[in-house]
Amino acid sequence: MPKKPHVSETPATALLRARGVAFSEHPYEYLEHGGALHSAEVLGLDPFSVIKTLIMQDDKAAPLVVLMHGNRSVSTKNLARQTGAKSVEPCKPEVANRHSGYLVGGTSPFGTRRTMPVYVERTVLALPRIWINGGRRGFLIGIDPKVLTDVLAARPVDCALPL
């Protein structure tokens, strides 16, 4: 049986281990700008269950995390309405890196440098299992979506749009 490639610890996996959260590791070959659709294809997963971690900011430049299906986009108008902000927009990559402590393409909602409110598309929570970035480019972890509300206190929102 071939040996699984070893993935070194990240702030995300360290946090999950410390909390006693079970997760599976899924390394893959990272493709610049490949996103969740690429990782889903390479790992043979449904892109609806591969969750992307997006760092956004409101009209006051306060950062927030949005967890969305890999094959959906975010209606920033609906998100702003549900979070009480006037507007919401994606952060520039360098700003997102500063807030999260991760490089864009390897952003995990777990173990972020800065504590930020986390919003999750409601239908993500209904999935039996999700795959989400483990804190490094080319590395997903498989977890129970209940972890998002238990560990991150993620608040459900309805803001998904088709890609």
Protein backbone atom coordinates (compact mmCIF):
# COMPACT_ATOMS: atom_id res chain seq x y z
CA MET A 1 0.00 0.00 0.00
CA PRO A 2 1.51 3.38 -0.97
CA LYS A 3 2.39 5.65 1.91
CA LYS A 4 0.27 8.79 2.26
CA PRO A 5 2.31 11.97 1.85
CA HIS A 6 3.01 13.62 5.17
CA VAL A 7 1.65 17.13 5.60
CA SER A 8 3.32 19.21 8.29
CA GLU A 9 1.27 20.88 10.99
CA THR A 10 -0.44 24.19 10.25
CA PRO A 11 -2.12 26.59 12.70
CA ALA A 12 -5.45 25.12 11.49
CA THR A 13 -4.55 21.47 12.13
CA ALA A 14 -2.91 22.38 15.46
CA LEU A 15 -6.12 24.10 16.61
CA LEU A 16 -8.30 21.19 15.50
CA ARG A 17 -6.04 18.63 17.22
CA ALA A 18 -6.04 20.72 20.42
CA ARG A 19 -9.86 20.75 20.34
CA GLY A 20 -10.01 16.98 19.73
CA VAL A 21 -11.61 17.38 16.30
CA ALA A 22 -11.27 14.39 13.97
CA PHE A 23 -10.28 15.25 10.40
CA SER A 24 -8.81 13.54 7.35
CA GLU A 25 -5.91 15.01 5.35
CA HIS A 26 -6.09 15.42 1.58
CA PRO A 27 -2.97 16.89 -0.05
CA TYR A 28 -3.10 17.61 -3.78
CA GLU A 29 -1.03 19.42 -6.39
CA TYR A 30 -1.85 23.11 -6.04
CA LEU A 31 -2.68 25.10 -9.17
CA GLU A 32 -2.45 28.90 -9.05
CA HIS A 33 -5.99 30.30 -9.47
CA GLY A 34 -7.37 26.73 -9.64
CA GLY A 35 -9.53 27.24 -6.57
CA ALA A 36 -12.06 24.87 -5.11
CA LEU A 37 -13.11 23.52 -8.51
CA HIS A 38 -9.56 22.37 -9.24
CA SER A 39 -9.07 20.73 -5.83
CA ALA A 40 -12.46 18.99 -6.13
CA GLU A 41 -11.55 17.64 -9.57
CA VAL A 42 -8.07 16.45 -8.55
CA LEU A 43 -9.37 14.76 -5.37
CA GLY A 44 -12.51 13.36 -7.03
CA LEU A 45 -14.87 15.31 -4.77
CA ASP A 46 -18.18 17.05 -5.40
CA PRO A 47 -17.39 20.79 -5.71
CA PHE A 48 -20.57 21.52 -3.70
CA SER A 49 -18.95 19.84 -0.67
CA VAL A 50 -15.54 21.50 -1.14
CA ILE A 51 -15.83 24.71 0.88
CA LYS A 52 -13.86 27.82 0.04
CA THR A 53 -12.72 30.25 2.73
CA LEU A 54 -13.09 33.87 1.65
CA ILE A 55 -11.77 36.86 3.58
CA MET A 56 -14.00 39.87 3.01
CA GLN A 57 -14.51 43.26 4.60
CA ASP A 58 -17.49 45.42 5.36
CA ASP A 59 -17.98 49.14 4.66
CA LYS A 60 -15.93 49.97 7.79
CA ALA A 61 -13.04 47.77 6.53
CA ALA A 62 -13.74 45.25 9.32
CA PRO A 63 -12.72 41.77 8.12
CA LEU A 64 -14.99 38.73 8.10
CA VAL A 65 -14.77 35.13 6.91
CA VAL A 66 -17.28 33.64 4.48
CA LEU A 67 -17.47 29.88 3.92
CA MET A 68 -19.07 29.02 0.58
CA HIS A 69 -19.59 25.98 -1.64
CA GLY A 70 -16.79 25.57 -4.17
CA ASN A 71 -19.21 25.83 -7.09
CA ARG A 72 -21.07 28.92 -5.87
CA SER A 73 -20.23 32.60 -5.50
CA VAL A 74 -21.23 35.09 -2.82
CA SER A 75 -23.97 37.68 -3.25
CA THR A 76 -22.23 40.49 -1.38
CA LYS A 77 -25.50 42.43 -1.37
CA ASN A 78 -27.35 39.60 0.42
CA LEU A 79 -24.41 39.01 2.75
CA ALA A 80 -24.26 42.69 3.72
CA ARG A 81 -28.00 42.72 4.41
CA GLN A 82 -27.74 39.65 6.65
CA THR A 83 -24.68 40.89 8.56
CA GLY A 84 -26.01 44.39 9.13
CA ALA A 85 -23.34 46.05 7.00
CA LYS A 86 -23.95 48.69 4.34
CA SER A 87 -21.73 46.73 1.94
CA VAL A 88 -19.31 43.81 1.81
CA GLU A 89 -16.48 43.20 -0.64
CA PRO A 90 -13.59 40.76 -1.00
CA CYS A 91 -10.33 41.91 0.57
CA LYS A 92 -7.33 42.46 -1.67
CA PRO A 93 -5.04 39.39 -1.46
CA GLU A 94 -2.35 41.14 0.61
CA VAL A 95 -4.99 42.40 3.07
CA ALA A 96 -6.59 38.95 3.30
CA ASN A 97 -3.14 37.44 3.99
CA ARG A 98 -2.54 39.97 6.77
CA HIS A 99 -5.90 39.31 8.46
CA SER A 100 -5.81 35.51 8.19
CA GLY A 101 -2.10 34.79 8.48
CA TYR A 102 -2.45 32.45 5.48
CA LEU A 103 -1.60 32.93 1.82
CA VAL A 104 -4.60 33.30 -0.48
CA GLY A 105 -5.18 29.84 -1.94
CA GLY A 106 -4.24 28.28 1.39
CA THR A 107 -6.63 30.12 3.71
CA SER A 108 -8.29 28.08 6.43
CA PRO A 109 -11.00 29.45 8.72
CA PHE A 110 -9.27 27.65 11.61
CA GLY A 111 -6.27 29.18 13.40
CA THR A 112 -6.46 32.60 11.76
CA ARG A 113 -4.06 35.28 12.95
CA ARG A 114 -6.92 37.64 13.74
CA THR A 115 -10.27 36.69 15.28
CA MET A 116 -12.98 37.51 12.76
CA PRO A 117 -16.71 36.77 12.58
CA VAL A 118 -17.39 33.68 10.46
CA TYR A 119 -20.42 33.29 8.20
CA VAL A 120 -21.29 30.00 6.52
CA GLU A 121 -23.74 29.39 3.69
CA ARG A 122 -26.63 27.61 5.43
CA THR A 123 -26.70 24.64 3.02
CA VAL A 124 -23.07 23.79 3.90
CA LEU A 125 -24.23 22.80 7.39
CA ALA A 126 -26.66 20.23 5.92
CA LEU A 127 -23.89 18.24 4.18
CA PRO A 128 -22.74 14.96 5.74
CA ARG A 129 -19.04 15.87 5.32
CA ILE A 130 -17.11 18.82 3.91
CA TRP A 131 -13.59 19.41 2.62
CA ILE A 132 -12.03 22.74 3.53
CA ASN A 133 -8.55 24.23 3.38
CA GLY A 134 -6.23 22.97 6.08
CA GLY A 135 -3.98 26.04 6.16
CA ARG A 136 -1.69 25.45 3.23
CA ARG A 137 -1.97 25.64 -0.54
CA GLY A 138 -2.69 22.16 -1.91
CA PHE A 139 -4.10 20.78 1.35
CA LEU A 140 -7.73 20.11 2.24
CA ILE A 141 -9.09 18.51 5.38
CA GLY A 142 -12.28 16.50 5.58
CA ILE A 143 -14.49 17.31 8.58
CA ASP A 144 -18.03 17.19 9.88
CA PRO A 145 -19.64 20.57 9.05
CA LYS A 146 -20.89 20.78 12.65
CA VAL A 147 -17.28 21.73 13.52
CA LEU A 148 -17.87 25.10 11.82
CA THR A 149 -20.50 26.10 14.35
CA ASP A 150 -18.94 24.28 17.33
CA VAL A 151 -15.37 25.58 16.93
CA LEU A 152 -15.80 28.79 14.92
CA ALA A 153 -19.28 29.87 16.09
CA ALA A 154 -20.05 30.29 12.36
CA ARG A 155 -23.36 32.01 11.70
CA PRO A 156 -25.55 30.65 8.88
CA VAL A 157 -26.40 33.00 6.01
CA ASP A 158 -28.17 32.67 2.66
CA CYS A 159 -26.02 34.39 0.06
CA ALA A 160 -25.04 31.75 -2.52
CA LEU A 161 -25.20 32.49 -6.24
CA PRO A 162 -24.48 30.07 -9.11
CA LEU A 163 -20.99 30.49 -10.61
